[in-house]
Amino acid sequence: MKSGNIVLIGPTNSGKSSLVNKIMGQRVSLVSRKKQSTTFNQKVYKKFSENEFIIQDTPGFFSSRKKINNNIISSPLAEIETSDLIYVVVDISLRINNEYKRIINSLENKIEKQHVFLILNKIDKVKKDKVLSAIKFYSKEKIFNEIFPISSLTGEGVANLIKFSKKFTIKTSIKSKPSSNIQIKKKLFYSEVTREKILDKIHREIPYQCDVVTEKINKVTSQIKIYQSIVVKRQSHKNILVGKKGSMLKEIGQASRKEIARFENKKIHLFLFVKLAKEKKI
């Protein structure tokens, strides 16, 4: 058996999480149209015949005048030292920005023996001549060993990326497979699903100023009961999350419950409670 560690880094909304989901063949990473939807390094396991990968989805490099979280800024680079491959994922339809420049500068100071692949994502959004010109442009960067144009939405180019990545796996004596493809606790995963739905349905700064905590999980044969608290700092935010007669909280709960049910293939009972930070947990 051969194995390899792959770390994905890149600007926010470049499609890192969507790429992880496409590689895994199922939804395992939070995806949102809003910036900074991934807030921690998430590990997933995937086996391809005689090759296995530990794939790490990281928060995007985030450029903002507002200070969201210091850990978010530093965590994308935290796992580079132990990686074999680094996927730098960029949105080919966007111009180069400061986030990309920060990534290149940071990698140049940290790269040792790792191979670095540039992933030109979202080629489904541009014409072919744009892809060719982008490859020519980014080829000037000496840090990239290879460049792969792909679409995490349609899957175009992803199989070729994985096929080439197998060349950089190394033999290992470890034969034990993780009990789950997702190397994070279920409580955290359930919380992230609900947070994704809040990001999708609530605008302004509210999603970034609330925490979703899975307080309790009760499993009974073919069904799971999940109790979660959405903790906010302001009463006005609480009112918005709950909505008129609880309508918004109901929408968030229904969307999250359906997502978790698809993943677990079980009936899900989800109980959501919106609380102010000073309130006690359930």
Protein backbone atom coordinates (compact mmCIF):
# COMPACT_ATOMS: atom_id res chain seq x y z
CA MET A 1 0.00 0.00 0.00
CA LYS A 2 1.17 3.51 -0.83
CA SER A 3 0.00 6.62 0.98
CA GLY A 4 0.33 10.38 0.74
CA ASN A 5 -0.77 13.51 2.57
CA ILE A 6 -2.38 16.23 0.47
CA VAL A 7 -3.01 19.74 1.79
CA LEU A 8 -5.31 22.15 -0.06
CA ILE A 9 -4.67 25.86 0.33
CA GLY A 10 -5.86 28.87 -1.60
CA PRO A 11 -7.84 32.10 -1.51
CA THR A 12 -11.34 32.07 -0.07
CA ASN A 13 -14.07 30.79 -2.38
CA SER A 14 -11.60 29.19 -4.77
CA GLY A 15 -13.46 25.88 -4.52
CA LYS A 16 -11.20 23.89 -2.19
CA SER A 17 -14.08 22.31 -0.28
CA SER A 18 -15.96 21.53 -3.49
CA LEU A 19 -12.86 19.79 -4.84
CA VAL A 20 -12.56 17.69 -1.69
CA ASN A 21 -16.21 16.68 -2.02
CA LYS A 22 -15.72 15.74 -5.68
CA ILE A 23 -12.66 13.62 -4.87
CA MET A 24 -14.47 11.90 -2.02
CA GLY A 25 -17.60 11.29 -4.07
CA GLN A 26 -19.78 12.67 -1.30
CA ARG A 27 -20.35 15.83 0.67
CA VAL A 28 -17.80 15.85 3.50
CA SER A 29 -16.70 19.50 3.51
CA LEU A 30 -18.72 22.65 4.04
CA VAL A 31 -19.45 24.61 0.86
CA SER A 32 -20.90 28.12 0.80
CA ARG A 33 -21.00 31.08 -1.57
CA LYS A 34 -19.80 33.32 1.29
CA LYS A 35 -16.17 33.96 2.19
CA GLN A 36 -14.42 32.04 4.97
CA SER A 37 -16.96 29.23 5.24
CA THR A 38 -14.26 26.74 6.26
CA THR A 39 -12.81 27.66 9.66
CA PHE A 40 -10.60 24.69 10.59
CA ASN A 41 -8.31 22.11 9.01
CA GLN A 42 -10.44 19.09 8.14
CA LYS A 43 -8.93 15.70 7.31
CA VAL A 44 -10.62 13.11 5.09
CA TYR A 45 -9.46 9.67 3.98
CA LYS A 46 -9.77 8.28 0.46
CA LYS A 47 -8.46 5.03 -1.02
CA PHE A 48 -7.83 4.46 -4.72
CA SER A 49 -6.90 0.79 -5.36
CA GLU A 50 -3.37 0.51 -3.92
CA ASN A 51 -3.10 4.18 -3.07
CA GLU A 52 -4.54 6.05 -0.13
CA PHE A 53 -4.65 9.77 0.60
CA ILE A 54 -5.16 11.85 3.68
CA ILE A 55 -6.65 15.04 2.26
CA GLN A 56 -6.75 18.20 4.34
CA ASP A 57 -9.15 21.00 3.53
CA THR A 58 -8.02 24.27 5.10
CA PRO A 59 -9.53 27.72 5.61
CA GLY A 60 -8.88 30.17 2.80
CA PHE A 61 -6.38 32.99 3.01
CA PHE A 62 -8.66 35.83 3.94
CA SER A 63 -7.96 39.49 3.25
CA SER A 64 -10.23 41.77 5.21
CA ARG A 65 -10.10 44.95 7.24
CA LYS A 66 -12.27 43.24 9.79
CA LYS A 67 -10.58 40.93 12.22
CA ILE A 68 -12.50 37.66 12.25
CA ASN A 69 -10.17 35.12 13.84
CA ASN A 70 -6.39 34.98 14.09
CA ASN A 71 -6.42 31.17 13.91
CA ILE A 72 -8.20 31.33 10.54
CA ILE A 73 -5.36 33.34 9.06
CA SER A 74 -2.54 31.04 10.22
CA SER A 75 -4.16 27.59 10.00
CA PRO A 76 -3.88 27.08 6.19
CA LEU A 77 -0.11 26.73 6.57
CA ALA A 78 -0.15 24.67 9.76
CA GLU A 79 -0.01 21.25 8.06
CA ILE A 80 2.40 21.97 5.20
CA GLU A 81 5.46 20.52 6.95
CA THR A 82 3.90 17.03 7.15
CA SER A 83 2.44 17.05 3.62
CA ASP A 84 3.68 15.23 0.52
CA LEU A 85 1.60 17.20 -1.96
CA ILE A 86 0.23 20.72 -1.83
CA TYR A 87 -2.71 21.74 -3.99
CA VAL A 88 -2.85 25.51 -4.45
CA VAL A 89 -6.43 26.05 -5.60
CA VAL A 90 -7.38 29.26 -7.41
CA ASP A 91 -10.52 30.44 -9.19
CA ILE A 92 -9.45 30.82 -12.83
CA SER A 93 -12.29 33.24 -13.52
CA LEU A 94 -10.88 35.84 -11.09
CA ARG A 95 -7.86 38.10 -11.28
CA ILE A 96 -4.81 37.56 -9.09
CA ASN A 97 -5.27 39.26 -5.72
CA ASN A 98 -3.36 39.83 -2.50
CA GLU A 99 -4.49 36.50 -1.08
CA TYR A 100 -2.76 34.64 -3.90
CA LYS A 101 0.41 36.70 -3.46
CA ARG A 102 0.45 35.93 0.26
CA ILE A 103 0.17 32.22 -0.49
CA ILE A 104 3.13 32.23 -2.87
CA ASN A 105 5.27 34.25 -0.48
CA SER A 106 4.39 31.97 2.43
CA LEU A 107 5.04 28.78 0.46
CA GLU A 108 8.44 29.94 -0.73
CA ASN A 109 9.53 30.11 2.91
CA LYS A 110 8.07 26.75 3.91
CA ILE A 111 8.52 24.37 0.99
CA GLU A 112 11.18 21.69 1.47
CA LYS A 113 10.62 18.40 -0.35
CA GLN A 114 6.90 18.78 -1.04
CA HIS A 115 5.53 18.89 -4.57
CA VAL A 116 3.26 21.82 -5.32
CA PHE A 117 0.43 21.59 -7.86
CA LEU A 118 -1.47 24.64 -9.04
CA ILE A 119 -5.16 23.79 -9.46
CA LEU A 120 -6.93 26.15 -11.87
CA ASN A 121 -10.48 25.55 -10.68
CA LYS A 122 -13.84 26.53 -12.21
CA ILE A 123 -12.81 26.11 -15.86
CA ASP A 124 -16.51 25.56 -16.55
CA LYS A 125 -16.95 29.31 -16.07
CA VAL A 126 -14.45 30.45 -18.73
CA LYS A 127 -13.63 29.85 -22.38
CA LYS A 128 -10.84 27.50 -23.49
CA ASP A 129 -8.53 30.33 -24.61
CA LYS A 130 -8.74 31.77 -21.09
CA VAL A 131 -7.58 28.42 -19.68
CA LEU A 132 -4.64 28.26 -22.08
CA SER A 133 -3.55 31.82 -21.33
CA ALA A 134 -3.83 31.16 -17.59
CA ILE A 135 -1.61 28.07 -17.85
CA LYS A 136 0.96 30.10 -19.77
CA PHE A 137 0.82 32.92 -17.22
CA TYR A 138 1.12 30.75 -14.09
CA SER A 139 3.88 28.62 -15.64
CA LYS A 140 6.20 31.51 -14.85
CA GLU A 141 5.89 30.69 -11.15
CA LYS A 142 8.85 28.42 -10.38
CA ILE A 143 7.22 27.07 -7.22
CA PHE A 144 4.66 24.98 -9.15
CA ASN A 145 5.71 21.48 -10.25
CA GLU A 146 2.53 20.96 -12.30
CA ILE A 147 -0.58 22.88 -13.33
CA PHE A 148 -4.01 21.22 -13.57
CA PRO A 149 -7.10 22.94 -15.03
CA ILE A 150 -10.17 21.38 -13.42
CA SER A 151 -13.81 21.92 -12.54
CA SER A 152 -14.84 20.78 -9.09
CA LEU A 153 -18.45 21.31 -10.21
CA THR A 154 -18.47 19.04 -13.27
CA GLY A 155 -15.50 16.89 -12.31
CA GLU A 156 -13.57 17.68 -15.48
CA GLY A 157 -9.84 17.15 -14.95
CA VAL A 158 -10.20 15.75 -11.42
CA ALA A 159 -9.48 12.13 -12.43
CA ASN A 160 -6.30 13.23 -14.18
CA LEU A 161 -5.24 15.17 -11.09
CA ILE A 162 -5.68 12.12 -8.86
CA LYS A 163 -3.95 9.83 -11.35
CA PHE A 164 -0.88 12.07 -11.42
CA SER A 165 -0.95 12.53 -7.63
CA LYS A 166 -0.57 8.76 -7.16
CA LYS A 167 2.98 9.02 -8.51
CA PHE A 168 3.98 10.83 -5.33
CA THR A 169 2.62 8.37 -2.78
CA ILE A 170 5.14 6.36 -0.79
CA LYS A 171 5.08 2.77 0.46
CA THR A 172 3.81 2.29 3.99
CA SER A 173 3.43 -0.64 6.32
CA ILE A 174 0.25 0.78 7.83
CA LYS A 175 -2.69 -1.39 6.81
CA SER A 176 -5.37 -0.24 9.21
CA LYS A 177 -8.11 1.90 7.68
CA PRO A 178 -9.75 4.70 9.69
CA SER A 179 -13.22 3.82 10.97
CA SER A 180 -14.63 6.77 9.02
CA ASN A 181 -13.69 8.69 5.89
CA ILE A 182 -14.05 11.92 7.87
CA GLN A 183 -11.37 12.49 10.47
CA ILE A 184 -13.32 14.94 12.63
CA LYS A 185 -15.74 14.29 15.46
CA LYS A 186 -19.40 13.90 14.53
CA LYS A 187 -20.38 16.72 16.88
CA LEU A 188 -18.15 19.12 14.97
CA PHE A 189 -19.33 17.83 11.60
CA TYR A 190 -23.01 18.25 12.52
CA SER A 191 -22.26 21.77 13.78
CA GLU A 192 -20.55 22.64 10.50
CA VAL A 193 -23.54 21.46 8.48
CA THR A 194 -25.86 23.75 10.43
CA ARG A 195 -23.38 26.61 10.17
CA GLU A 196 -23.35 26.13 6.40
CA LYS A 197 -27.13 26.59 6.30
CA ILE A 198 -26.85 29.75 8.40
CA LEU A 199 -24.27 31.09 5.94
CA ASP A 200 -26.60 30.35 3.04
CA LYS A 201 -29.70 31.91 4.58
CA ILE A 202 -28.46 34.78 6.74
CA HIS A 203 -26.73 37.82 5.26
CA ARG A 204 -24.46 40.50 6.71
CA GLU A 205 -21.97 39.70 9.47
CA ILE A 206 -24.22 37.51 11.62
CA PRO A 207 -22.96 34.08 10.42
CA TYR A 208 -19.40 35.04 11.34
CA GLN A 209 -20.38 36.14 14.84
CA CYS A 210 -22.23 33.04 15.95
CA ASP A 211 -21.12 29.60 17.11
CA VAL A 212 -22.99 26.36 16.48
CA VAL A 213 -22.47 23.84 19.26
CA THR A 214 -23.76 20.27 19.11
CA GLU A 215 -24.65 19.73 22.74
CA LYS A 216 -25.99 16.19 22.65
CA ILE A 217 -26.45 13.25 20.26
CA ASN A 218 -28.81 10.35 20.95
CA LYS A 219 -28.59 7.37 18.57
CA VAL A 220 -31.39 4.82 18.45
CA THR A 221 -31.17 2.13 15.73
CA SER A 222 -32.35 3.86 12.53
CA GLN A 223 -32.64 7.41 13.87
CA ILE A 224 -30.49 10.10 15.49
CA LYS A 225 -31.57 12.93 17.76
CA ILE A 226 -29.29 15.98 17.65
CA TYR A 227 -29.48 18.95 20.00
CA GLN A 228 -27.67 22.12 18.93
CA SER A 229 -27.24 25.62 20.31
CA ILE A 230 -26.63 28.60 18.05
CA VAL A 231 -24.83 31.07 20.29
CA VAL A 232 -24.91 34.77 19.40
CA LYS A 233 -23.69 37.90 21.16
CA ARG A 234 -26.59 40.26 20.46
CA GLN A 235 -30.33 40.08 21.00
CA SER A 236 -30.87 41.61 17.54
CA HIS A 237 -28.92 38.73 15.96
CA LYS A 238 -30.97 36.25 17.92
CA ASN A 239 -34.18 37.82 16.64
CA ILE A 240 -32.98 37.60 13.02
CA LEU A 241 -31.91 33.96 13.35
CA VAL A 242 -35.22 32.97 14.90
CA GLY A 243 -37.27 34.99 12.40
CA LYS A 244 -40.95 35.85 12.47
CA LYS A 245 -42.73 33.18 14.50
CA GLY A 246 -39.61 31.01 14.25
CA SER A 247 -39.72 30.85 10.43
CA MET A 248 -36.00 31.40 9.80
CA LEU A 249 -34.88 28.93 12.46
CA LYS A 250 -37.27 26.40 10.98
CA GLU A 251 -35.76 26.88 7.49
CA ILE A 252 -32.24 26.47 8.82
CA GLY A 253 -33.22 23.38 10.79
CA GLN A 254 -34.98 21.71 7.87
CA ALA A 255 -32.04 22.28 5.52
CA SER A 256 -29.50 21.03 8.06
CA ARG A 257 -31.59 17.99 8.97
CA LYS A 258 -31.94 16.94 5.33
CA GLU A 259 -28.18 17.31 4.75
CA ILE A 260 -27.27 15.23 7.80
CA ALA A 261 -29.90 12.61 6.92
CA ARG A 262 -28.39 12.18 3.45
CA PHE A 263 -24.96 11.71 4.95
CA GLU A 264 -25.98 9.31 7.73
CA ASN A 265 -28.71 7.56 5.72
CA LYS A 266 -30.88 7.66 8.82
CA LYS A 267 -33.86 9.60 10.10
CA ILE A 268 -32.69 12.76 11.84
CA HIS A 269 -34.44 14.72 14.57
CA LEU A 270 -32.72 18.10 14.90
CA PHE A 271 -33.49 20.48 17.76
CA LEU A 272 -32.09 24.01 17.43
CA PHE A 273 -31.89 26.60 20.21
CA VAL A 274 -30.71 30.18 19.62
CA LYS A 275 -29.07 31.64 22.73
CA LEU A 276 -27.17 34.69 23.84
CA ALA A 277 -23.57 34.03 24.84
CA LYS A 278 -24.32 34.70 28.50
CA GLU A 279 -27.11 32.11 28.58
CA LYS A 280 -26.34 28.65 29.93
CA LYS A 281 -26.13 25.59 27.67
CA ILE A 282 -28.99 23.14 27.51
